[in-house]
Amino acid sequence: MWQWYETAAMPGHAIGQYNLAKLYYTELDVPQDNVRAYMWVNLAAVHMTGDEQK
């Protein structure tokens, strides 16, 4: 599952980036990695607009 999110996240897909951050934070299908979770959630925030960004 995480491979799909990573593929979607690479070109700047904010929802894919956010979902990948959740996977790394909650240890779903990947080992927990708070640094990667932080990185992906911040990239997602940059690419989101309006209410999504809040």
PDB file of N, CA and C in Angstrom:
ATOM      1  N   MET A   1       0.818  -1.185   0.000  1.00  0.00           N
ATOM      2  CA  MET A   1       0.000   0.000   0.000  1.00  0.00           C
ATOM      3  C   MET A   1       0.872   1.262   0.000  1.00  0.00           C
ATOM      4  N   TRP A   2       1.910   1.321   0.799  1.00  0.00           N
ATOM      5  CA  TRP A   2       2.717   2.529   0.915  1.00  0.00           C
ATOM      6  C   TRP A   2       3.392   2.891  -0.391  1.00  0.00           C
ATOM      7  N   GLN A   3       3.684   1.909  -1.237  1.00  0.00           N
ATOM      8  CA  GLN A   3       4.321   2.206  -2.519  1.00  0.00           C
ATOM      9  C   GLN A   3       3.423   3.076  -3.386  1.00  0.00           C
ATOM     10  N   TRP A   4       2.104   2.805  -3.350  1.00  0.00           N
ATOM     11  CA  TRP A   4       1.163   3.603  -4.128  1.00  0.00           C
ATOM     12  C   TRP A   4       1.159   5.043  -3.633  1.00  0.00           C
ATOM     13  N   TYR A   5       1.128   5.230  -2.332  1.00  0.00           N
ATOM     14  CA  TYR A   5       1.137   6.579  -1.772  1.00  0.00           C
ATOM     15  C   TYR A   5       2.439   7.302  -2.111  1.00  0.00           C
ATOM     16  N   GLU A   6       3.542   6.585  -2.049  1.00  0.00           N
ATOM     17  CA  GLU A   6       4.824   7.213  -2.368  1.00  0.00           C
ATOM     18  C   GLU A   6       4.879   7.619  -3.832  1.00  0.00           C
ATOM     19  N   THR A   7       4.355   6.797  -4.716  1.00  0.00           N
ATOM     20  CA  THR A   7       4.297   7.139  -6.134  1.00  0.00           C
ATOM     21  C   THR A   7       3.440   8.375  -6.346  1.00  0.00           C
ATOM     22  N   ALA A   8       2.320   8.460  -5.660  1.00  0.00           N
ATOM     23  CA  ALA A   8       1.436   9.620  -5.786  1.00  0.00           C
ATOM     24  C   ALA A   8       2.049  10.847  -5.132  1.00  0.00           C
ATOM     25  N   ALA A   9       2.815  10.665  -4.075  1.00  0.00           N
ATOM     26  CA  ALA A   9       3.360  11.793  -3.328  1.00  0.00           C
ATOM     27  C   ALA A   9       4.507  12.486  -4.052  1.00  0.00           C
ATOM     28  N   MET A  10       5.267  11.753  -4.804  1.00  0.00           N
ATOM     29  CA  MET A  10       6.461  12.314  -5.434  1.00  0.00           C
ATOM     30  C   MET A  10       6.177  13.516  -6.338  1.00  0.00           C
ATOM     31  N   PRO A  11       5.178  13.494  -7.207  1.00  0.00           N
ATOM     32  CA  PRO A  11       4.977  14.661  -8.077  1.00  0.00           C
ATOM     33  C   PRO A  11       4.244  15.822  -7.408  1.00  0.00           C
ATOM     34  N   GLY A  12       4.070  15.794  -6.103  1.00  0.00           N
ATOM     35  CA  GLY A  12       3.446  16.892  -5.390  1.00  0.00           C
ATOM     36  C   GLY A  12       1.967  16.715  -5.133  1.00  0.00           C
ATOM     37  N   HIS A  13       1.492  15.494  -5.125  1.00  0.00           N
ATOM     38  CA  HIS A  13       0.085  15.208  -4.827  1.00  0.00           C
ATOM     39  C   HIS A  13      -0.109  15.303  -3.317  1.00  0.00           C
ATOM     40  N   ALA A  14      -0.771  16.372  -2.874  1.00  0.00           N
ATOM     41  CA  ALA A  14      -0.872  16.675  -1.442  1.00  0.00           C
ATOM     42  C   ALA A  14      -1.558  15.580  -0.638  1.00  0.00           C
ATOM     43  N   ILE A  15      -2.628  15.001  -1.159  1.00  0.00           N
ATOM     44  CA  ILE A  15      -3.339  13.959  -0.410  1.00  0.00           C
ATOM     45  C   ILE A  15      -2.459  12.713  -0.292  1.00  0.00           C
ATOM     46  N   GLY A  16      -1.730  12.366  -1.344  1.00  0.00           N
ATOM     47  CA  GLY A  16      -0.791  11.239  -1.281  1.00  0.00           C
ATOM     48  C   GLY A  16       0.299  11.490  -0.256  1.00  0.00           C
ATOM     49  N   GLN A  17       0.788  12.723  -0.189  1.00  0.00           N
ATOM     50  CA  GLN A  17       1.816  13.077   0.786  1.00  0.00           C
ATOM     51  C   GLN A  17       1.272  12.972   2.207  1.00  0.00           C
ATOM     52  N   TYR A  18       0.061  13.470   2.398  1.00  0.00           N
ATOM     53  CA  TYR A  18      -0.553  13.415   3.726  1.00  0.00           C
ATOM     54  C   TYR A  18      -0.784  11.961   4.156  1.00  0.00           C
ATOM     55  N   ASN A  19      -1.293  11.145   3.244  1.00  0.00           N
ATOM     56  CA  ASN A  19      -1.538   9.737   3.566  1.00  0.00           C
ATOM     57  C   ASN A  19      -0.240   8.998   3.872  1.00  0.00           C
ATOM     58  N   LEU A  20       0.809   9.317   3.147  1.00  0.00           N
ATOM     59  CA  LEU A  20       2.108   8.697   3.413  1.00  0.00           C
ATOM     60  C   LEU A  20       2.615   9.107   4.800  1.00  0.00           C
ATOM     61  N   ALA A  21       2.411  10.359   5.174  1.00  0.00           N
ATOM     62  CA  ALA A  21       2.799  10.817   6.513  1.00  0.00           C
ATOM     63  C   ALA A  21       2.052  10.034   7.582  1.00  0.00           C
ATOM     64  N   LYS A  22       0.746   9.812   7.372  1.00  0.00           N
ATOM     65  CA  LYS A  22      -0.041   9.036   8.348  1.00  0.00           C
ATOM     66  C   LYS A  22       0.486   7.619   8.470  1.00  0.00           C
ATOM     67  N   LEU A  23       0.876   7.012   7.347  1.00  0.00           N
ATOM     68  CA  LEU A  23       1.415   5.647   7.403  1.00  0.00           C
ATOM     69  C   LEU A  23       2.685   5.599   8.238  1.00  0.00           C
ATOM     70  N   TYR A  24       3.591   6.541   8.011  1.00  0.00           N
ATOM     71  CA  TYR A  24       4.844   6.556   8.771  1.00  0.00           C
ATOM     72  C   TYR A  24       4.609   6.870  10.241  1.00  0.00           C
ATOM     73  N   TYR A  25       3.623   7.692  10.542  1.00  0.00           N
ATOM     74  CA  TYR A  25       3.362   8.061  11.930  1.00  0.00           C
ATOM     75  C   TYR A  25       2.692   6.932  12.707  1.00  0.00           C
ATOM     76  N   THR A  26       1.778   6.211  12.067  1.00  0.00           N
ATOM     77  CA  THR A  26       0.995   5.200  12.770  1.00  0.00           C
ATOM     78  C   THR A  26       1.500   3.771  12.576  1.00  0.00           C
ATOM     79  N   GLU A  27       2.602   3.608  11.865  1.00  0.00           N
ATOM     80  CA  GLU A  27       3.189   2.284  11.623  1.00  0.00           C
ATOM     81  C   GLU A  27       2.270   1.350  10.834  1.00  0.00           C
ATOM     82  N   LEU A  28       1.490   1.886   9.929  1.00  0.00           N
ATOM     83  CA  LEU A  28       0.639   1.044   9.090  1.00  0.00           C
ATOM     84  C   LEU A  28       1.419   0.645   7.851  1.00  0.00           C
ATOM     85  N   ASP A  29       1.844  -0.587   7.752  1.00  0.00           N
ATOM     86  CA  ASP A  29       2.521  -1.144   6.585  1.00  0.00           C
ATOM     87  C   ASP A  29       3.992  -0.725   6.474  1.00  0.00           C
ATOM     88  N   VAL A  30       4.465   0.174   7.324  1.00  0.00           N
ATOM     89  CA  VAL A  30       5.871   0.591   7.325  1.00  0.00           C
ATOM     90  C   VAL A  30       6.314   0.780   8.776  1.00  0.00           C
ATOM     91  N   PRO A  31       7.619   0.677   9.037  1.00  0.00           N
ATOM     92  CA  PRO A  31       8.087   0.968  10.401  1.00  0.00           C
ATOM     93  C   PRO A  31       7.855   2.443  10.737  1.00  0.00           C
ATOM     94  N   GLN A  32       7.563   2.724  11.996  1.00  0.00           N
ATOM     95  CA  GLN A  32       7.327   4.107  12.393  1.00  0.00           C
ATOM     96  C   GLN A  32       8.584   4.932  12.166  1.00  0.00           C
ATOM     97  N   ASP A  33       8.394   6.093  11.555  1.00  0.00           N
ATOM     98  CA  ASP A  33       9.499   7.005  11.288  1.00  0.00           C
ATOM     99  C   ASP A  33       8.957   8.423  11.403  1.00  0.00           C
ATOM    100  N   ASN A  34       9.129   9.017  12.569  1.00  0.00           N
ATOM    101  CA  ASN A  34       8.571  10.346  12.818  1.00  0.00           C
ATOM    102  C   ASN A  34       9.211  11.423  11.961  1.00  0.00           C
ATOM    103  N   VAL A  35      10.476  11.252  11.587  1.00  0.00           N
ATOM    104  CA  VAL A  35      11.138  12.239  10.738  1.00  0.00           C
ATOM    105  C   VAL A  35      10.503  12.242   9.351  1.00  0.00           C
ATOM    106  N   ARG A  36      10.298  11.060   8.774  1.00  0.00           N
ATOM    107  CA  ARG A  36       9.650  10.991   7.457  1.00  0.00           C
ATOM    108  C   ARG A  36       8.198  11.459   7.533  1.00  0.00           C
ATOM    109  N   ALA A  37       7.511  11.125   8.606  1.00  0.00           N
ATOM    110  CA  ALA A  37       6.126  11.583   8.777  1.00  0.00           C
ATOM    111  C   ALA A  37       6.082  13.105   8.794  1.00  0.00           C
ATOM    112  N   TYR A  38       6.994  13.721   9.526  1.00  0.00           N
ATOM    113  CA  TYR A  38       7.066  15.184   9.595  1.00  0.00           C
ATOM    114  C   TYR A  38       7.361  15.777   8.224  1.00  0.00           C
ATOM    115  N   MET A  39       8.309  15.179   7.521  1.00  0.00           N
ATOM    116  CA  MET A  39       8.676  15.669   6.191  1.00  0.00           C
ATOM    117  C   MET A  39       7.476  15.631   5.254  1.00  0.00           C
ATOM    118  N   TRP A  40       6.773  14.498   5.204  1.00  0.00           N
ATOM    119  CA  TRP A  40       5.660  14.348   4.270  1.00  0.00           C
ATOM    120  C   TRP A  40       4.479  15.232   4.648  1.00  0.00           C
ATOM    121  N   VAL A  41       4.199  15.397   5.921  1.00  0.00           N
ATOM    122  CA  VAL A  41       3.065  16.239   6.303  1.00  0.00           C
ATOM    123  C   VAL A  41       3.369  17.708   5.991  1.00  0.00           C
ATOM    124  N   ASN A  42       4.619  18.115   6.121  1.00  0.00           N
ATOM    125  CA  ASN A  42       4.983  19.487   5.766  1.00  0.00           C
ATOM    126  C   ASN A  42       4.924  19.712   4.264  1.00  0.00           C
ATOM    127  N   LEU A  43       5.368  18.763   3.478  1.00  0.00           N
ATOM    128  CA  LEU A  43       5.245  18.881   2.025  1.00  0.00           C
ATOM    129  C   LEU A  43       3.780  18.930   1.610  1.00  0.00           C
ATOM    130  N   ALA A  44       2.953  18.127   2.261  1.00  0.00           N
ATOM    131  CA  ALA A  44       1.516  18.137   1.950  1.00  0.00           C
ATOM    132  C   ALA A  44       0.923  19.512   2.257  1.00  0.00           C
ATOM    133  N   ALA A  45       1.307  20.109   3.373  1.00  0.00           N
ATOM    134  CA  ALA A  45       0.774  21.424   3.744  1.00  0.00           C
ATOM    135  C   ALA A  45       1.160  22.483   2.722  1.00  0.00           C
ATOM    136  N   VAL A  46       2.357  22.377   2.165  1.00  0.00           N
ATOM    137  CA  VAL A  46       2.799  23.328   1.146  1.00  0.00           C
ATOM    138  C   VAL A  46       1.958  23.205  -0.120  1.00  0.00           C
ATOM    139  N   HIS A  47       1.583  21.988  -0.469  1.00  0.00           N
ATOM    140  CA  HIS A  47       0.849  21.755  -1.713  1.00  0.00           C
ATOM    141  C   HIS A  47      -0.670  21.879  -1.570  1.00  0.00           C
ATOM    142  N   MET A  48      -1.170  21.948  -0.346  1.00  0.00           N
ATOM    143  CA  MET A  48      -2.615  22.106  -0.146  1.00  0.00           C
ATOM    144  C   MET A  48      -2.982  23.578  -0.193  1.00  0.00           C
ATOM    145  N   THR A  49      -4.250  23.829  -0.477  1.00  0.00           N
ATOM    146  CA  THR A  49      -4.725  25.213  -0.524  1.00  0.00           C
ATOM    147  C   THR A  49      -6.030  25.312   0.247  1.00  0.00           C
ATOM    148  N   GLY A  50      -6.389  26.526   0.618  1.00  0.00           N
ATOM    149  CA  GLY A  50      -7.669  26.791   1.255  1.00  0.00           C
ATOM    150  C   GLY A  50      -7.877  26.034   2.555  1.00  0.00           C
ATOM    151  N   ASP A  51      -9.076  25.473   2.713  1.00  0.00           N
ATOM    152  CA  ASP A  51      -9.429  24.782   3.936  1.00  0.00           C
ATOM    153  C   ASP A  51      -8.597  23.528   4.168  1.00  0.00           C
ATOM    154  N   GLU A  52      -8.153  22.866   3.093  1.00  0.00           N
ATOM    155  CA  GLU A  52      -7.299  21.672   3.258  1.00  0.00           C
ATOM    156  C   GLU A  52      -6.036  22.021   4.014  1.00  0.00           C
ATOM    157  N   GLN A  53      -5.450  23.164   3.711  1.00  0.00           N
ATOM    158  CA  GLN A  53      -4.188  23.551   4.316  1.00  0.00           C
ATOM    159  C   GLN A  53      -4.328  23.812   5.812  1.00  0.00           C
ATOM    160  N   LYS A  54      -5.471  24.311   6.232  1.00  0.00           N
ATOM    161  CA  LYS A  54      -5.692  24.591   7.657  1.00  0.00           C
ATOM    162  C   LYS A  54      -5.712  23.307   8.437  1.00  0.00           C
TER     163      LYS A  54
END
